[in-house]
PDB file of N, CA and C in Angstrom:
ATOM      1  N   MET A   1      12.278 -14.227   2.900  1.00  0.00           N
ATOM      2  CA  MET A   1      11.877 -13.021   3.583  1.00  0.00           C
ATOM      3  C   MET A   1      12.674 -11.820   3.045  1.00  0.00           C
ATOM      4  N   ALA A   2      12.073 -10.643   3.122  1.00  0.00           N
ATOM      5  CA  ALA A   2      12.703  -9.461   2.528  1.00  0.00           C
ATOM      6  C   ALA A   2      12.512  -8.240   3.429  1.00  0.00           C
ATOM      7  N   ASN A   3      13.500  -7.359   3.393  1.00  0.00           N
ATOM      8  CA  ASN A   3      13.378  -6.123   4.165  1.00  0.00           C
ATOM      9  C   ASN A   3      12.618  -5.070   3.359  1.00  0.00           C
ATOM     10  N   ILE A   4      12.397  -3.925   3.968  1.00  0.00           N
ATOM     11  CA  ILE A   4      11.601  -2.866   3.337  1.00  0.00           C
ATOM     12  C   ILE A   4      12.194  -2.429   1.999  1.00  0.00           C
ATOM     13  N   ASP A   5      13.492  -2.183   1.944  1.00  0.00           N
ATOM     14  CA  ASP A   5      14.111  -1.708   0.708  1.00  0.00           C
ATOM     15  C   ASP A   5      13.953  -2.714  -0.435  1.00  0.00           C
ATOM     16  N   THR A   6      14.094  -3.995  -0.121  1.00  0.00           N
ATOM     17  CA  THR A   6      13.950  -5.037  -1.140  1.00  0.00           C
ATOM     18  C   THR A   6      12.524  -5.084  -1.669  1.00  0.00           C
ATOM     19  N   VAL A   7      11.557  -5.009  -0.768  1.00  0.00           N
ATOM     20  CA  VAL A   7      10.144  -5.035  -1.156  1.00  0.00           C
ATOM     21  C   VAL A   7       9.807  -3.841  -2.035  1.00  0.00           C
ATOM     22  N   LEU A   8      10.265  -2.656  -1.657  1.00  0.00           N
ATOM     23  CA  LEU A   8       9.987  -1.457  -2.446  1.00  0.00           C
ATOM     24  C   LEU A   8      10.621  -1.555  -3.827  1.00  0.00           C
ATOM     25  N   LYS A   9      11.841  -2.082  -3.889  1.00  0.00           N
ATOM     26  CA  LYS A   9      12.522  -2.254  -5.180  1.00  0.00           C
ATOM     27  C   LYS A   9      11.720  -3.201  -6.074  1.00  0.00           C
ATOM     28  N   GLU A  10      11.227  -4.296  -5.515  1.00  0.00           N
ATOM     29  CA  GLU A  10      10.430  -5.248  -6.300  1.00  0.00           C
ATOM     30  C   GLU A  10       9.147  -4.611  -6.819  1.00  0.00           C
ATOM     31  N   LEU A  11       8.498  -3.799  -6.003  1.00  0.00           N
ATOM     32  CA  LEU A  11       7.275  -3.139  -6.451  1.00  0.00           C
ATOM     33  C   LEU A  11       7.551  -2.166  -7.589  1.00  0.00           C
ATOM     34  N   LEU A  12       8.648  -1.447  -7.508  1.00  0.00           N
ATOM     35  CA  LEU A  12       8.951  -0.465  -8.551  1.00  0.00           C
ATOM     36  C   LEU A  12       9.334  -1.108  -9.881  1.00  0.00           C
ATOM     37  N   GLU A  13       9.564  -2.412  -9.890  1.00  0.00           N
ATOM     38  CA  GLU A  13       9.848  -3.129 -11.138  1.00  0.00           C
ATOM     39  C   GLU A  13       8.573  -3.478 -11.909  1.00  0.00           C
ATOM     40  N   VAL A  14       7.414  -3.313 -11.296  1.00  0.00           N
ATOM     41  CA  VAL A  14       6.131  -3.588 -11.944  1.00  0.00           C
ATOM     42  C   VAL A  14       5.881  -2.529 -13.026  1.00  0.00           C
ATOM     43  N   ASP A  15       5.405  -2.961 -14.187  1.00  0.00           N
ATOM     44  CA  ASP A  15       5.092  -2.010 -15.259  1.00  0.00           C
ATOM     45  C   ASP A  15       4.127  -0.937 -14.760  1.00  0.00           C
ATOM     46  N   GLY A  16       4.486   0.315 -14.989  1.00  0.00           N
ATOM     47  CA  GLY A  16       3.635   1.430 -14.610  1.00  0.00           C
ATOM     48  C   GLY A  16       3.826   1.916 -13.187  1.00  0.00           C
ATOM     49  N   ALA A  17       4.702   1.261 -12.422  1.00  0.00           N
ATOM     50  CA  ALA A  17       4.925   1.663 -11.028  1.00  0.00           C
ATOM     51  C   ALA A  17       5.532   3.058 -10.967  1.00  0.00           C
ATOM     52  N   MET A  18       5.019   3.863 -10.046  1.00  0.00           N
ATOM     53  CA  MET A  18       5.536   5.213  -9.862  1.00  0.00           C
ATOM     54  C   MET A  18       6.189   5.379  -8.495  1.00  0.00           C
ATOM     55  N   ALA A  19       5.527   4.858  -7.455  1.00  0.00           N
ATOM     56  CA  ALA A  19       6.039   5.006  -6.097  1.00  0.00           C
ATOM     57  C   ALA A  19       5.465   3.899  -5.220  1.00  0.00           C
ATOM     58  N   ALA A  20       6.178   3.611  -4.137  1.00  0.00           N
ATOM     59  CA  ALA A  20       5.726   2.599  -3.191  1.00  0.00           C
ATOM     60  C   ALA A  20       6.230   2.973  -1.800  1.00  0.00           C
ATOM     61  N   ALA A  21       5.489   2.527  -0.789  1.00  0.00           N
ATOM     62  CA  ALA A  21       5.872   2.859   0.579  1.00  0.00           C
ATOM     63  C   ALA A  21       5.370   1.801   1.550  1.00  0.00           C
ATOM     64  N   VAL A  22       6.036   1.763   2.708  1.00  0.00           N
ATOM     65  CA  VAL A  22       5.578   0.980   3.851  1.00  0.00           C
ATOM     66  C   VAL A  22       5.282   1.995   4.954  1.00  0.00           C
ATOM     67  N   VAL A  23       4.068   1.910   5.523  1.00  0.00           N
ATOM     68  CA  VAL A  23       3.604   2.917   6.472  1.00  0.00           C
ATOM     69  C   VAL A  23       3.083   2.257   7.740  1.00  0.00           C
ATOM     70  N   ASP A  24       3.370   2.875   8.878  1.00  0.00           N
ATOM     71  CA  ASP A  24       2.807   2.465  10.164  1.00  0.00           C
ATOM     72  C   ASP A  24       1.521   3.267  10.357  1.00  0.00           C
ATOM     73  N   TYR A  25       0.345   2.591  10.329  1.00  0.00           N
ATOM     74  CA  TYR A  25      -0.901   3.354  10.427  1.00  0.00           C
ATOM     75  C   TYR A  25      -1.291   3.685  11.859  1.00  0.00           C
ATOM     76  N   ASN A  26      -0.556   3.204  12.837  1.00  0.00           N
ATOM     77  CA  ASN A  26      -0.792   3.653  14.215  1.00  0.00           C
ATOM     78  C   ASN A  26      -0.262   5.066  14.412  1.00  0.00           C
ATOM     79  N   SER A  27       0.878   5.356  13.782  1.00  0.00           N
ATOM     80  CA  SER A  27       1.498   6.679  13.935  1.00  0.00           C
ATOM     81  C   SER A  27       1.387   7.538  12.677  1.00  0.00           C
ATOM     82  N   GLY A  28       1.130   6.916  11.525  1.00  0.00           N
ATOM     83  CA  GLY A  28       1.128   7.638  10.257  1.00  0.00           C
ATOM     84  C   GLY A  28       2.519   7.835   9.701  1.00  0.00           C
ATOM     85  N   MET A  29       3.514   7.192  10.318  1.00  0.00           N
ATOM     86  CA  MET A  29       4.908   7.381   9.936  1.00  0.00           C
ATOM     87  C   MET A  29       5.295   6.531   8.721  1.00  0.00           C
ATOM     88  N   LEU A  30       5.998   7.153   7.808  1.00  0.00           N
ATOM     89  CA  LEU A  30       6.552   6.486   6.644  1.00  0.00           C
ATOM     90  C   LEU A  30       7.784   5.707   7.095  1.00  0.00           C
ATOM     91  N   LEU A  31       7.759   4.382   6.966  1.00  0.00           N
ATOM     92  CA  LEU A  31       8.893   3.543   7.359  1.00  0.00           C
ATOM     93  C   LEU A  31       9.895   3.376   6.224  1.00  0.00           C
ATOM     94  N   GLY A  32       9.416   3.518   5.009  1.00  0.00           N
ATOM     95  CA  GLY A  32      10.281   3.433   3.846  1.00  0.00           C
ATOM     96  C   GLY A  32       9.501   3.810   2.612  1.00  0.00           C
ATOM     97  N   GLY A  33      10.156   4.471   1.687  1.00  0.00           N
ATOM     98  CA  GLY A  33       9.488   4.871   0.462  1.00  0.00           C
ATOM     99  C   GLY A  33      10.465   4.947  -0.685  1.00  0.00           C
ATOM    100  N   ALA A  34       9.946   4.750  -1.896  1.00  0.00           N
ATOM    101  CA  ALA A  34      10.775   4.822  -3.098  1.00  0.00           C
ATOM    102  C   ALA A  34       9.898   5.242  -4.267  1.00  0.00           C
ATOM    103  N   GLY A  35      10.547   5.837  -5.262  1.00  0.00           N
ATOM    104  CA  GLY A  35       9.827   6.254  -6.454  1.00  0.00           C
ATOM    105  C   GLY A  35       9.726   7.759  -6.555  1.00  0.00           C
ATOM    106  N   THR A  36       8.973   8.196  -7.560  1.00  0.00           N
ATOM    107  CA  THR A  36       8.862   9.629  -7.833  1.00  0.00           C
ATOM    108  C   THR A  36       7.420  10.003  -8.152  1.00  0.00           C
ATOM    109  N   GLY A  37       7.184  11.314  -8.186  1.00  0.00           N
ATOM    110  CA  GLY A  37       5.894  11.819  -8.632  1.00  0.00           C
ATOM    111  C   GLY A  37       4.895  12.064  -7.526  1.00  0.00           C
ATOM    112  N   ILE A  38       5.249  11.717  -6.277  1.00  0.00           N
ATOM    113  CA  ILE A  38       4.310  11.899  -5.177  1.00  0.00           C
ATOM    114  C   ILE A  38       5.092  12.117  -3.883  1.00  0.00           C
ATOM    115  N   ASP A  39       4.599  13.006  -3.023  1.00  0.00           N
ATOM    116  CA  ASP A  39       5.214  13.236  -1.721  1.00  0.00           C
ATOM    117  C   ASP A  39       4.765  12.114  -0.791  1.00  0.00           C
ATOM    118  N   LEU A  40       5.630  11.150  -0.567  1.00  0.00           N
ATOM    119  CA  LEU A  40       5.254   9.960   0.200  1.00  0.00           C
ATOM    120  C   LEU A  40       5.012  10.253   1.680  1.00  0.00           C
ATOM    121  N   ASP A  41       5.630  11.289   2.230  1.00  0.00           N
ATOM    122  CA  ASP A  41       5.351  11.654   3.626  1.00  0.00           C
ATOM    123  C   ASP A  41       3.903  12.135   3.773  1.00  0.00           C
ATOM    124  N   VAL A  42       3.472  12.975   2.859  1.00  0.00           N
ATOM    125  CA  VAL A  42       2.086  13.461   2.871  1.00  0.00           C
ATOM    126  C   VAL A  42       1.124  12.309   2.613  1.00  0.00           C
ATOM    127  N   ALA A  43       1.453  11.473   1.629  1.00  0.00           N
ATOM    128  CA  ALA A  43       0.603  10.326   1.298  1.00  0.00           C
ATOM    129  C   ALA A  43       0.482   9.362   2.474  1.00  0.00           C
ATOM    130  N   ALA A  44       1.568   9.152   3.204  1.00  0.00           N
ATOM    131  CA  ALA A  44       1.537   8.248   4.366  1.00  0.00           C
ATOM    132  C   ALA A  44       0.537   8.741   5.408  1.00  0.00           C
ATOM    133  N   GLY A  45       0.597  10.017   5.719  1.00  0.00           N
ATOM    134  CA  GLY A  45      -0.334  10.579   6.701  1.00  0.00           C
ATOM    135  C   GLY A  45      -1.779  10.530   6.231  1.00  0.00           C
ATOM    136  N   GLY A  46      -2.015  10.916   4.992  1.00  0.00           N
ATOM    137  CA  GLY A  46      -3.377  10.923   4.462  1.00  0.00           C
ATOM    138  C   GLY A  46      -3.965   9.537   4.332  1.00  0.00           C
ATOM    139  N   ASN A  47      -3.172   8.590   3.856  1.00  0.00           N
ATOM    140  CA  ASN A  47      -3.675   7.232   3.696  1.00  0.00           C
ATOM    141  C   ASN A  47      -3.822   6.504   5.023  1.00  0.00           C
ATOM    142  N   THR A  48      -3.093   6.947   6.030  1.00  0.00           N
ATOM    143  CA  THR A  48      -3.303   6.417   7.378  1.00  0.00           C
ATOM    144  C   THR A  48      -4.738   6.694   7.812  1.00  0.00           C
ATOM    145  N   GLU A  49      -5.231   7.888   7.503  1.00  0.00           N
ATOM    146  CA  GLU A  49      -6.613   8.232   7.847  1.00  0.00           C
ATOM    147  C   GLU A  49      -7.613   7.360   7.090  1.00  0.00           C
ATOM    148  N   VAL A  50      -7.308   7.053   5.831  1.00  0.00           N
ATOM    149  CA  VAL A  50      -8.176   6.176   5.031  1.00  0.00           C
ATOM    150  C   VAL A  50      -8.259   4.792   5.683  1.00  0.00           C
ATOM    151  N   VAL A  51      -7.108   4.229   6.037  1.00  0.00           N
ATOM    152  CA  VAL A  51      -7.072   2.894   6.637  1.00  0.00           C
ATOM    153  C   VAL A  51      -7.788   2.888   7.985  1.00  0.00           C
ATOM    154  N   ARG A  52      -7.501   3.863   8.825  1.00  0.00           N
ATOM    155  CA  ARG A  52      -8.162   3.936  10.143  1.00  0.00           C
ATOM    156  C   ARG A  52      -9.673   4.042  10.000  1.00  0.00           C
ATOM    157  N   SER A  53     -10.121   4.885   9.073  1.00  0.00           N
ATOM    158  CA  SER A  53     -11.554   5.075   8.865  1.00  0.00           C
ATOM    159  C   SER A  53     -12.223   3.793   8.400  1.00  0.00           C
ATOM    160  N   LYS A  54     -11.608   3.092   7.463  1.00  0.00           N
ATOM    161  CA  LYS A  54     -12.192   1.855   6.950  1.00  0.00           C
ATOM    162  C   LYS A  54     -12.238   0.787   8.032  1.00  0.00           C
ATOM    163  N   MET A  55     -11.193   0.697   8.829  1.00  0.00           N
ATOM    164  CA  MET A  55     -11.177  -0.299   9.910  1.00  0.00           C
ATOM    165  C   MET A  55     -12.242   0.026  10.965  1.00  0.00           C
ATOM    166  N   LYS A  56     -12.400   1.304  11.269  1.00  0.00           N
ATOM    167  CA  LYS A  56     -13.424   1.720  12.231  1.00  0.00           C
ATOM    168  C   LYS A  56     -14.823   1.387  11.693  1.00  0.00           C
ATOM    169  N   THR A  57     -15.053   1.679  10.414  1.00  0.00           N
ATOM    170  CA  THR A  57     -16.350   1.396   9.793  1.00  0.00           C
ATOM    171  C   THR A  57     -16.642  -0.101   9.799  1.00  0.00           C
ATOM    172  N   MET A  58     -15.638  -0.903   9.478  1.00  0.00           N
ATOM    173  CA  MET A  58     -15.835  -2.356   9.483  1.00  0.00           C
ATOM    174  C   MET A  58     -16.186  -2.856  10.876  1.00  0.00           C
ATOM    175  N   LYS A  59     -15.536  -2.295  11.885  1.00  0.00           N
ATOM    176  CA  LYS A  59     -15.829  -2.692  13.268  1.00  0.00           C
ATOM    177  C   LYS A  59     -17.264  -2.321  13.634  1.00  0.00           C
ATOM    178  N   MET A  60     -17.701  -1.118  13.252  1.00  0.00           N
ATOM    179  CA  MET A  60     -19.064  -0.674  13.554  1.00  0.00           C
ATOM    180  C   MET A  60     -20.098  -1.543  12.851  1.00  0.00           C
ATOM    181  N   LEU A  61     -19.747  -2.062  11.681  1.00  0.00           N
ATOM    182  CA  LEU A  61     -20.650  -2.922  10.926  1.00  0.00           C
ATOM    183  C   LEU A  61     -20.595  -4.381  11.378  1.00  0.00           C
ATOM    184  N   GLY A  62     -19.652  -4.666  12.264  1.00  0.00           N
ATOM    185  CA  GLY A  62     -19.515  -6.029  12.747  1.00  0.00           C
ATOM    186  C   GLY A  62     -18.878  -6.967  11.732  1.00  0.00           C
ATOM    187  N   LEU A  63     -18.120  -6.422  10.803  1.00  0.00           N
ATOM    188  CA  LEU A  63     -17.459  -7.241   9.789  1.00  0.00           C
ATOM    189  C   LEU A  63     -16.117  -7.737  10.327  1.00  0.00           C
ATOM    190  N   SER A  64     -15.887  -9.023  10.220  1.00  0.00           N
ATOM    191  CA  SER A  64     -14.636  -9.587  10.731  1.00  0.00           C
ATOM    192  C   SER A  64     -13.655  -9.932   9.619  1.00  0.00           C
ATOM    193  N   SER A  65     -14.046  -9.738   8.379  1.00  0.00           N
ATOM    194  CA  SER A  65     -13.151 -10.021   7.253  1.00  0.00           C
ATOM    195  C   SER A  65     -11.947  -9.087   7.294  1.00  0.00           C
ATOM    196  N   GLU A  66     -10.829  -9.571   6.756  1.00  0.00           N
ATOM    197  CA  GLU A  66      -9.638  -8.738   6.664  1.00  0.00           C
ATOM    198  C   GLU A  66      -9.655  -7.980   5.338  1.00  0.00           C
ATOM    199  N   ILE A  67      -9.169  -6.755   5.367  1.00  0.00           N
ATOM    200  CA  ILE A  67      -9.069  -5.955   4.144  1.00  0.00           C
ATOM    201  C   ILE A  67      -7.933  -6.519   3.298  1.00  0.00           C
ATOM    202  N   GLN A  68      -8.221  -6.877   2.062  1.00  0.00           N
ATOM    203  CA  GLN A  68      -7.183  -7.322   1.133  1.00  0.00           C
ATOM    204  C   GLN A  68      -6.449  -6.109   0.568  1.00  0.00           C
ATOM    205  N   ASP A  69      -7.200  -5.163   0.045  1.00  0.00           N
ATOM    206  CA  ASP A  69      -6.610  -3.910  -0.399  1.00  0.00           C
ATOM    207  C   ASP A  69      -7.708  -2.871  -0.586  1.00  0.00           C
ATOM    208  N   ILE A  70      -7.285  -1.642  -0.653  1.00  0.00           N
ATOM    209  CA  ILE A  70      -8.175  -0.513  -0.913  1.00  0.00           C
ATOM    210  C   ILE A  70      -7.661   0.130  -2.196  1.00  0.00           C
ATOM    211  N   LEU A  71      -8.548   0.293  -3.162  1.00  0.00           N
ATOM    212  CA  LEU A  71      -8.171   0.866  -4.452  1.00  0.00           C
ATOM    213  C   LEU A  71      -8.779   2.257  -4.588  1.00  0.00           C
ATOM    214  N   ILE A  72      -7.928   3.206  -4.910  1.00  0.00           N
ATOM    215  CA  ILE A  72      -8.376   4.557  -5.226  1.00  0.00           C
ATOM    216  C   ILE A  72      -7.975   4.808  -6.677  1.00  0.00           C
ATOM    217  N   THR A  73      -8.958   5.060  -7.513  1.00  0.00           N
ATOM    218  CA  THR A  73      -8.716   5.247  -8.937  1.00  0.00           C
ATOM    219  C   THR A  73      -8.820   6.729  -9.281  1.00  0.00           C
ATOM    220  N   LEU A  74      -7.731   7.296  -9.769  1.00  0.00           N
ATOM    221  CA  LEU A  74      -7.717   8.674 -10.251  1.00  0.00           C
ATOM    222  C   LEU A  74      -7.780   8.642 -11.773  1.00  0.00           C
ATOM    223  N   SER A  75      -7.882   9.794 -12.387  1.00  0.00           N
ATOM    224  CA  SER A  75      -7.988   9.812 -13.846  1.00  0.00           C
ATOM    225  C   SER A  75      -6.750   9.251 -14.531  1.00  0.00           C
ATOM    226  N   ASP A  76      -5.586   9.350 -13.889  1.00  0.00           N
ATOM    227  CA  ASP A  76      -4.357   8.862 -14.520  1.00  0.00           C
ATOM    228  C   ASP A  76      -3.515   7.953 -13.631  1.00  0.00           C
ATOM    229  N   GLN A  77      -4.033   7.612 -12.451  1.00  0.00           N
ATOM    230  CA  GLN A  77      -3.268   6.782 -11.524  1.00  0.00           C
ATOM    231  C   GLN A  77      -4.165   5.811 -10.767  1.00  0.00           C
ATOM    232  N   PHE A  78      -3.542   4.704 -10.339  1.00  0.00           N
ATOM    233  CA  PHE A  78      -4.144   3.799  -9.373  1.00  0.00           C
ATOM    234  C   PHE A  78      -3.347   3.939  -8.076  1.00  0.00           C
ATOM    235  N   HIS A  79      -4.055   4.031  -6.951  1.00  0.00           N
ATOM    236  CA  HIS A  79      -3.416   4.025  -5.640  1.00  0.00           C
ATOM    237  C   HIS A  79      -3.941   2.806  -4.900  1.00  0.00           C
ATOM    238  N   LEU A  80      -3.036   1.887  -4.568  1.00  0.00           N
ATOM    239  CA  LEU A  80      -3.397   0.671  -3.847  1.00  0.00           C
ATOM    240  C   LEU A  80      -2.862   0.752  -2.422  1.00  0.00           C
ATOM    241  N   ILE A  81      -3.721   0.434  -1.477  1.00  0.00           N
ATOM    242  CA  ILE A  81      -3.348   0.391  -0.067  1.00  0.00           C
ATOM    243  C   ILE A  81      -3.622  -1.028   0.408  1.00  0.00           C
ATOM    244  N   ARG A  82      -2.600  -1.693   0.948  1.00  0.00           N
ATOM    245  CA  ARG A  82      -2.763  -3.072   1.406  1.00  0.00           C
ATOM    246  C   ARG A  82      -2.272  -3.197   2.854  1.00  0.00           C
ATOM    247  N   PRO A  83      -3.215  -3.289   3.817  1.00  0.00           N
ATOM    248  CA  PRO A  83      -2.804  -3.563   5.199  1.00  0.00           C
ATOM    249  C   PRO A  83      -2.123  -4.929   5.266  1.00  0.00           C
ATOM    250  N   THR A  84      -1.010  -5.005   5.972  1.00  0.00           N
ATOM    251  CA  THR A  84      -0.301  -6.282   6.072  1.00  0.00           C
ATOM    252  C   THR A  84      -1.037  -7.198   7.034  1.00  0.00           C
ATOM    253  N   GLN A  85      -1.060  -8.478   6.700  1.00  0.00           N
ATOM    254  CA  GLN A  85      -1.773  -9.454   7.516  1.00  0.00           C
ATOM    255  C   GLN A  85      -0.926  -9.926   8.691  1.00  0.00           C
ATOM    256  N   LYS A  86       0.367 -10.123   8.469  1.00  0.00           N
ATOM    257  CA  LYS A  86       1.207 -10.688   9.521  1.00  0.00           C
ATOM    258  C   LYS A  86       1.939  -9.630  10.349  1.00  0.00           C
ATOM    259  N   LEU A  87       2.044  -8.427   9.851  1.00  0.00           N
ATOM    260  CA  LEU A  87       2.710  -7.343  10.565  1.00  0.00           C
ATOM    261  C   LEU A  87       1.656  -6.309  10.949  1.00  0.00           C
ATOM    262  N   ASP A  88       1.060  -6.502  12.085  1.00  0.00           N
ATOM    263  CA  ASP A  88      -0.055  -5.668  12.529  1.00  0.00           C
ATOM    264  C   ASP A  88       0.343  -4.195  12.598  1.00  0.00           C
ATOM    265  N   GLY A  89      -0.517  -3.353  12.062  1.00  0.00           N
ATOM    266  CA  GLY A  89      -0.305  -1.915  12.145  1.00  0.00           C
ATOM    267  C   GLY A  89       0.427  -1.302  10.964  1.00  0.00           C
ATOM    268  N   LEU A  90       0.746  -2.113   9.956  1.00  0.00           N
ATOM    269  CA  LEU A  90       1.446  -1.588   8.785  1.00  0.00           C
ATOM    270  C   LEU A  90       0.594  -1.738   7.536  1.00  0.00           C
ATOM    271  N   PHE A  91       0.842  -0.876   6.562  1.00  0.00           N
ATOM    272  CA  PHE A  91       0.248  -1.073   5.242  1.00  0.00           C
ATOM    273  C   PHE A  91       1.249  -0.722   4.163  1.00  0.00           C
ATOM    274  N   LEU A  92       1.061  -1.359   3.007  1.00  0.00           N
ATOM    275  CA  LEU A  92       1.834  -1.047   1.818  1.00  0.00           C
ATOM    276  C   LEU A  92       1.021  -0.069   0.971  1.00  0.00           C
ATOM    277  N   TYR A  93       1.692   0.892   0.391  1.00  0.00           N
ATOM    278  CA  TYR A  93       1.055   1.890  -0.458  1.00  0.00           C
ATOM    279  C   TYR A  93       1.765   1.846  -1.802  1.00  0.00           C
ATOM    280  N   PHE A  94       0.983   1.747  -2.880  1.00  0.00           N
ATOM    281  CA  PHE A  94       1.546   1.529  -4.203  1.00  0.00           C
ATOM    282  C   PHE A  94       0.839   2.446  -5.194  1.00  0.00           C
ATOM    283  N   VAL A  95       1.601   3.255  -5.914  1.00  0.00           N
ATOM    284  CA  VAL A  95       1.063   4.195  -6.897  1.00  0.00           C
ATOM    285  C   VAL A  95       1.504   3.755  -8.287  1.00  0.00           C
ATOM    286  N   LEU A  96       0.531   3.663  -9.196  1.00  0.00           N
ATOM    287  CA  LEU A  96       0.807   3.208 -10.551  1.00  0.00           C
ATOM    288  C   LEU A  96       0.168   4.140 -11.573  1.00  0.00           C
ATOM    289  N   SER A  97       0.794   4.230 -12.721  1.00  0.00           N
ATOM    290  CA  SER A  97       0.205   4.953 -13.844  1.00  0.00           C
ATOM    291  C   SER A  97      -0.897   4.082 -14.437  1.00  0.00           C
ATOM    292  N   SER A  98      -2.103   4.601 -14.525  1.00  0.00           N
ATOM    293  CA  SER A  98      -3.218   3.787 -15.024  1.00  0.00           C
ATOM    294  C   SER A  98      -3.090   3.479 -16.515  1.00  0.00           C
ATOM    295  N   SER A  99      -2.321   4.274 -17.248  1.00  0.00           N
ATOM    296  CA  SER A  99      -2.166   4.011 -18.685  1.00  0.00           C
ATOM    297  C   SER A  99      -1.107   2.950 -18.980  1.00  0.00           C
ATOM    298  N   LYS A 100      -0.239   2.669 -18.012  1.00  0.00           N
ATOM    299  CA  LYS A 100       0.857   1.721 -18.235  1.00  0.00           C
ATOM    300  C   LYS A 100       0.735   0.441 -17.410  1.00  0.00           C
ATOM    301  N   ALA A 101      -0.027   0.481 -16.331  1.00  0.00           N
ATOM    302  CA  ALA A 101      -0.061  -0.649 -15.393  1.00  0.00           C
ATOM    303  C   ALA A 101      -1.187  -1.621 -15.694  1.00  0.00           C
ATOM    304  N   ASN A 102      -0.967  -2.861 -15.358  1.00  0.00           N
ATOM    305  CA  ASN A 102      -2.000  -3.887 -15.354  1.00  0.00           C
ATOM    306  C   ASN A 102      -2.412  -4.047 -13.889  1.00  0.00           C
ATOM    307  N   LEU A 103      -3.605  -3.595 -13.555  1.00  0.00           N
ATOM    308  CA  LEU A 103      -4.043  -3.563 -12.157  1.00  0.00           C
ATOM    309  C   LEU A 103      -4.054  -4.949 -11.522  1.00  0.00           C
ATOM    310  N   ALA A 104      -4.503  -5.943 -12.240  1.00  0.00           N
ATOM    311  CA  ALA A 104      -4.551  -7.302 -11.684  1.00  0.00           C
ATOM    312  C   ALA A 104      -3.151  -7.808 -11.340  1.00  0.00           C
ATOM    313  N   LEU A 105      -2.195  -7.597 -12.239  1.00  0.00           N
ATOM    314  CA  LEU A 105      -0.825  -8.024 -11.964  1.00  0.00           C
ATOM    315  C   LEU A 105      -0.202  -7.223 -10.831  1.00  0.00           C
ATOM    316  N   ALA A 106      -0.511  -5.944 -10.759  1.00  0.00           N
ATOM    317  CA  ALA A 106       0.011  -5.108  -9.679  1.00  0.00           C
ATOM    318  C   ALA A 106      -0.512  -5.579  -8.317  1.00  0.00           C
ATOM    319  N   ARG A 107      -1.784  -5.941  -8.266  1.00  0.00           N
ATOM    320  CA  ARG A 107      -2.357  -6.438  -7.012  1.00  0.00           C
ATOM    321  C   ARG A 107      -1.706  -7.756  -6.601  1.00  0.00           C
ATOM    322  N   LEU A 108      -1.461  -8.621  -7.567  1.00  0.00           N
ATOM    323  CA  LEU A 108      -0.786  -9.892  -7.272  1.00  0.00           C
ATOM    324  C   LEU A 108       0.627  -9.662  -6.747  1.00  0.00           C
ATOM    325  N   GLN A 109       1.354  -8.751  -7.358  1.00  0.00           N
ATOM    326  CA  GLN A 109       2.716  -8.454  -6.897  1.00  0.00           C
ATOM    327  C   GLN A 109       2.698  -7.823  -5.512  1.00  0.00           C
ATOM    328  N   LEU A 110       1.732  -6.967  -5.258  1.00  0.00           N
ATOM    329  CA  LEU A 110       1.615  -6.343  -3.940  1.00  0.00           C
ATOM    330  C   LEU A 110       1.380  -7.407  -2.865  1.00  0.00           C
ATOM    331  N   LYS A 111       0.521  -8.362  -3.160  1.00  0.00           N
ATOM    332  CA  LYS A 111       0.265  -9.466  -2.227  1.00  0.00           C
ATOM    333  C   LYS A 111       1.526 -10.303  -2.028  1.00  0.00           C
ATOM    334  N   ALA A 112       2.230 -10.578  -3.107  1.00  0.00           N
ATOM    335  CA  ALA A 112       3.438 -11.410  -3.023  1.00  0.00           C
ATOM    336  C   ALA A 112       4.522 -10.767  -2.165  1.00  0.00           C
ATOM    337  N   VAL A 113       4.754  -9.467  -2.341  1.00  0.00           N
ATOM    338  CA  VAL A 113       5.791  -8.826  -1.539  1.00  0.00           C
ATOM    339  C   VAL A 113       5.354  -8.655  -0.093  1.00  0.00           C
ATOM    340  N   GLU A 114       4.055  -8.468   0.111  1.00  0.00           N
ATOM    341  CA  GLU A 114       3.548  -8.347   1.496  1.00  0.00           C
ATOM    342  C   GLU A 114       3.804  -9.628   2.280  1.00  0.00           C
ATOM    343  N   GLU A 115       3.667 -10.761   1.612  1.00  0.00           N
ATOM    344  CA  GLU A 115       3.864 -12.048   2.286  1.00  0.00           C
ATOM    345  C   GLU A 115       5.306 -12.278   2.711  1.00  0.00           C
ATOM    346  N   LYS A 116       6.261 -11.643   2.027  1.00  0.00           N
ATOM    347  CA  LYS A 116       7.651 -11.866   2.409  1.00  0.00           C
ATOM    348  C   LYS A 116       8.289 -10.686   3.136  1.00  0.00           C
ATOM    349  N   LEU A 117       7.515  -9.628   3.389  1.00  0.00           N
ATOM    350  CA  LEU A 117       8.040  -8.464   4.101  1.00  0.00           C
ATOM    351  C   LEU A 117       8.379  -8.812   5.540  1.00  0.00           C
ATOM    352  N   GLU A 118       9.572  -8.404   5.957  1.00  0.00           N
ATOM    353  CA  GLU A 118      10.044  -8.584   7.329  1.00  0.00           C
ATOM    354  C   GLU A 118      10.529  -7.251   7.860  1.00  0.00           C
ATOM    355  N   ILE A 119      10.203  -6.978   9.091  1.00  0.00           N
ATOM    356  CA  ILE A 119      10.674  -5.728   9.721  1.00  0.00           C
ATOM    357  C   ILE A 119      11.648  -6.088  10.841  1.00  0.00           C
TER     358      ILE A 119
END
């Protein structure tokens, strides 16, 4: 098991990693963040709205599947949002350079650290 700082450190070791955060989507509060190139407080609030909207839409559609991750692709970055399965109300946010990162490996690492995250 790992705390927030350990999980963020592991994510930033991924090739192309720029920033990572743990966010409470009930409040929009940033619980921990690391990295550079992005205002993680602003990103936490904005991505909270993305997660809430997707969960609301899934409920309206009657979908019971759990969200594995949400990918937002920019011209030079990947933004991954992964709601935690065992820690209700939290999500991991991961920003990567699209020219340096391997998206498949980044998703695997995000899943791996999510499984050992402890609050």
